[in-house]
Amino acid sequence: MMKNEFNEDIERGPKCGVRHVQVSLIFLLNFVAYSMRDSVSIAIVAMTDNSTTTNPSVPTYNWTNKNVVLSSFFWGYIIPQVFMAVVMKRYGTKRILIISMTINCIICILTPVTADTFGSYGMMACRALQGFAQAGVLPALYSVLSQWAPPAERSFLGALGGSGSLLGVIVTMPVTGFYVRPVGAGHAVFISTVLWV
């Protein structure tokens, strides 16, 4: 038993339980989601500048709207977050996360084809759909915590699960940068997705 600031007893539960497995999965989910989200931010430099690659056969694009391509992720990300808690309560967190991450992976894998076929507008559509698919990731963290974590551990477990996003960004930047040079930007996004999945 633990005491809170009012000297009341608080039950903590076992040292390692299902809640830790759940938070570990949320950590990995955040890691993968943010890796796929941020790989385009690094790759777009190589997608629009031929001097960043040593391979002359890598396609580059003359896009003047790179900032819009990058911001389009948030077009699909912001509004659905409000409704995701209701959707998860109705259909279940696990089901929504499986569907959303599957959609997210498919979109990331199709990034090179989309850039070649539809240009920057196709990339905007892909990024907006990817944002829509990832809109459930953050609400899922809180949904899992509310169901599995005792109140005395929620802040720690929430920070642990959410830190997967930070590690995802830290790891993705050098990995994507490493693969961009020899294989090109679109394929670097594809490789990053395959590595994490």
Protein backbone atom coordinates (compact mmCIF):
# COMPACT_ATOMS: atom_id res chain seq x y z
CA MET A 1 0.00 0.00 0.00
CA MET A 2 1.03 3.51 -0.77
CA LYS A 3 -0.02 6.79 0.85
CA ASN A 4 -1.20 9.84 -1.07
CA GLU A 5 -0.81 13.47 -0.03
CA PHE A 6 -3.86 13.16 2.26
CA ASN A 7 -2.33 10.13 4.02
CA GLU A 8 -4.92 7.80 2.49
CA ASP A 9 -4.01 4.28 1.40
CA ILE A 10 -3.70 3.72 -2.36
CA GLU A 11 -3.43 0.27 -3.90
CA ARG A 12 -0.79 0.03 -6.62
CA GLY A 13 -1.32 -3.48 -7.96
CA PRO A 14 1.41 -5.95 -8.99
CA LYS A 15 4.82 -4.61 -10.00
CA CYS A 16 4.52 -6.01 -13.51
CA GLY A 17 1.05 -6.66 -14.83
CA VAL A 18 -1.16 -6.43 -17.90
CA ARG A 19 -1.10 -2.65 -17.68
CA HIS A 20 2.64 -2.72 -18.38
CA VAL A 21 2.13 -4.91 -21.44
CA GLN A 22 -0.59 -2.52 -22.64
CA VAL A 23 1.62 0.53 -22.13
CA SER A 24 4.53 -1.21 -23.89
CA LEU A 25 2.29 -1.84 -26.89
CA ILE A 26 1.15 1.80 -26.85
CA PHE A 27 4.82 2.84 -26.68
CA LEU A 28 5.56 0.76 -29.80
CA LEU A 29 2.43 2.05 -31.52
CA ASN A 30 3.50 5.64 -30.90
CA PHE A 31 7.02 4.82 -32.05
CA VAL A 32 5.81 3.37 -35.36
CA ALA A 33 3.15 6.04 -35.92
CA TYR A 34 5.56 8.93 -35.44
CA SER A 35 8.22 7.18 -37.50
CA MET A 36 5.86 6.92 -40.44
CA ARG A 37 4.61 10.46 -39.89
CA ASP A 38 8.05 12.06 -39.82
CA SER A 39 9.83 10.06 -42.52
CA VAL A 40 8.23 12.24 -45.21
CA SER A 41 9.49 15.38 -43.45
CA ILE A 42 13.06 14.20 -44.04
CA ALA A 43 12.46 12.57 -47.41
CA ILE A 44 10.78 15.60 -49.00
CA VAL A 45 14.12 17.38 -49.16
CA ALA A 46 15.50 14.61 -51.36
CA MET A 47 12.23 14.37 -53.30
CA THR A 48 12.65 17.96 -54.47
CA ASP A 49 16.44 18.39 -54.66
CA ASN A 50 18.53 16.13 -56.93
CA SER A 51 21.81 17.10 -55.24
CA THR A 52 20.92 15.11 -52.11
CA THR A 53 21.37 11.69 -53.72
CA THR A 54 24.31 9.92 -55.29
CA ASN A 55 22.04 7.84 -57.51
CA PRO A 56 21.17 9.72 -60.76
CA SER A 57 18.19 7.45 -61.49
CA VAL A 58 16.32 8.61 -58.38
CA PRO A 59 13.34 10.75 -59.41
CA THR A 60 13.02 14.29 -58.10
CA TYR A 61 9.99 16.53 -58.33
CA ASN A 62 9.67 20.22 -59.02
CA TRP A 63 7.22 20.96 -56.23
CA THR A 64 6.82 24.53 -55.08
CA ASN A 65 4.30 23.60 -52.39
CA LYS A 66 6.41 21.46 -50.04
CA ASN A 67 5.07 23.30 -47.02
CA VAL A 68 1.50 22.43 -47.99
CA VAL A 69 2.45 18.79 -48.53
CA LEU A 70 3.93 18.63 -45.05
CA SER A 71 1.04 20.44 -43.36
CA SER A 72 -1.61 18.30 -45.09
CA PHE A 73 -1.07 15.58 -42.49
CA PHE A 74 -2.74 17.80 -39.92
CA TRP A 75 -5.76 18.46 -42.15
CA GLY A 76 -6.89 14.92 -41.49
CA TYR A 77 -5.45 14.66 -37.99
CA ILE A 78 -6.98 17.45 -35.92
CA ILE A 79 -10.77 17.17 -36.32
CA PRO A 80 -11.18 13.35 -36.02
CA GLN A 81 -9.36 13.31 -32.67
CA VAL A 82 -12.41 14.88 -31.08
CA PHE A 83 -14.62 12.01 -32.20
CA MET A 84 -12.19 9.13 -31.78
CA ALA A 85 -12.93 8.66 -28.09
CA VAL A 86 -16.59 8.06 -28.90
CA VAL A 87 -15.72 5.76 -31.78
CA MET A 88 -13.33 3.74 -29.60
CA LYS A 89 -15.91 3.42 -26.86
CA ARG A 90 -18.43 2.09 -29.35
CA TYR A 91 -16.23 -0.22 -31.45
CA GLY A 92 -13.30 -0.92 -29.15
CA THR A 93 -9.83 0.57 -28.96
CA LYS A 94 -8.08 -2.50 -30.34
CA ARG A 95 -10.22 -2.70 -33.47
CA ILE A 96 -9.85 1.00 -34.26
CA LEU A 97 -6.08 0.92 -33.75
CA ILE A 98 -5.66 -2.14 -35.98
CA ILE A 99 -7.68 -0.53 -38.75
CA SER A 100 -6.01 2.86 -38.44
CA MET A 101 -2.45 1.52 -38.37
CA THR A 102 -3.16 -0.83 -41.30
CA ILE A 103 -4.43 2.12 -43.34
CA ASN A 104 -1.43 4.15 -42.24
CA CYS A 105 1.03 1.43 -43.31
CA ILE A 106 -0.63 0.97 -46.70
CA ILE A 107 -0.51 4.71 -47.35
CA CYS A 108 3.17 4.89 -46.40
CA ILE A 109 4.03 1.95 -48.62
CA LEU A 110 2.21 3.61 -51.54
CA THR A 111 4.08 6.90 -51.09
CA PRO A 112 6.58 6.38 -53.98
CA VAL A 113 3.83 5.38 -56.42
CA THR A 114 1.62 8.27 -55.34
CA ALA A 115 4.42 10.81 -55.75
CA ASP A 116 5.23 9.49 -59.24
CA THR A 117 1.63 9.24 -60.43
CA PHE A 118 -0.20 12.14 -58.81
CA GLY A 119 2.56 14.55 -57.82
CA SER A 120 2.28 16.91 -54.89
CA TYR A 121 -1.52 16.82 -54.84
CA GLY A 122 -1.48 13.06 -54.50
CA MET A 123 1.01 13.40 -51.66
CA MET A 124 -1.30 15.93 -49.98
CA ALA A 125 -4.17 13.47 -50.20
CA CYS A 126 -1.97 10.65 -48.84
CA ARG A 127 -0.75 12.79 -45.96
CA ALA A 128 -4.29 13.90 -45.08
CA LEU A 129 -5.47 10.26 -45.10
CA GLN A 130 -2.47 9.29 -43.01
CA GLY A 131 -3.38 12.02 -40.53
CA PHE A 132 -6.96 10.78 -40.42
CA ALA A 133 -5.73 7.24 -39.78
CA GLN A 134 -3.41 8.38 -36.99
CA ALA A 135 -6.07 10.50 -35.29
CA GLY A 136 -6.88 7.61 -32.98
CA VAL A 137 -3.38 7.03 -31.64
CA LEU A 138 -3.35 9.70 -28.93
CA PRO A 139 -6.92 9.05 -27.71
CA ALA A 140 -6.06 5.33 -27.60
CA LEU A 141 -3.30 6.04 -25.09
CA TYR A 142 -5.77 7.63 -22.71
CA SER A 143 -8.39 4.99 -23.35
CA VAL A 144 -5.96 2.21 -22.45
CA LEU A 145 -4.77 4.09 -19.38
CA SER A 146 -8.30 4.66 -18.13
CA GLN A 147 -9.07 0.95 -18.40
CA TRP A 148 -5.81 -0.65 -17.26
CA ALA A 149 -3.78 1.74 -15.11
CA PRO A 150 -4.49 2.35 -11.43
CA PRO A 151 -4.89 6.06 -10.63
CA ALA A 152 -1.60 6.20 -8.72
CA GLU A 153 0.35 5.09 -11.84
CA ARG A 154 -1.52 6.82 -14.66
CA SER A 155 0.82 9.77 -15.04
CA PHE A 156 3.94 7.58 -15.13
CA LEU A 157 2.43 5.02 -17.51
CA GLY A 158 1.02 7.80 -19.70
CA ALA A 159 4.43 9.41 -19.97
CA LEU A 160 6.01 6.05 -20.75
CA GLY A 161 3.49 5.22 -23.48
CA GLY A 162 3.66 8.69 -24.98
CA SER A 163 7.45 8.74 -25.05
CA GLY A 164 7.37 6.26 -27.93
CA SER A 165 6.52 9.22 -30.16
CA LEU A 166 9.69 11.05 -29.13
CA LEU A 167 11.87 8.02 -29.69
CA GLY A 168 10.18 7.46 -33.05
CA VAL A 169 11.19 10.93 -34.20
CA ILE A 170 14.74 10.58 -32.83
CA VAL A 171 15.32 7.25 -34.59
CA THR A 172 13.51 8.10 -37.85
CA MET A 173 15.47 11.19 -38.71
CA PRO A 174 18.89 9.54 -39.09
CA VAL A 175 17.49 6.27 -40.49
CA THR A 176 15.48 8.03 -43.21
CA GLY A 177 18.41 10.32 -43.95
CA PHE A 178 20.70 7.31 -44.28
CA TYR A 179 18.41 5.57 -46.80
CA VAL A 180 17.57 8.69 -48.83
CA ARG A 181 21.03 9.02 -50.34
CA PRO A 182 21.35 5.65 -52.11
CA VAL A 183 17.71 4.73 -52.84
CA GLY A 184 15.82 7.99 -53.09
CA ALA A 185 13.21 9.66 -50.96
CA GLY A 186 10.11 7.68 -51.87
CA HIS A 187 11.83 4.38 -51.32
CA ALA A 188 13.35 5.63 -48.05
CA VAL A 189 9.82 6.22 -46.73
CA PHE A 190 8.90 2.73 -47.92
CA ILE A 191 11.97 1.17 -46.25
CA SER A 192 11.32 3.03 -42.99
CA THR A 193 7.75 1.74 -42.94
CA VAL A 194 8.78 -1.85 -43.65
CA LEU A 195 11.51 -1.71 -40.99
CA TRP A 196 9.13 -0.62 -38.25
CA VAL A 197 6.24 -2.85 -39.21
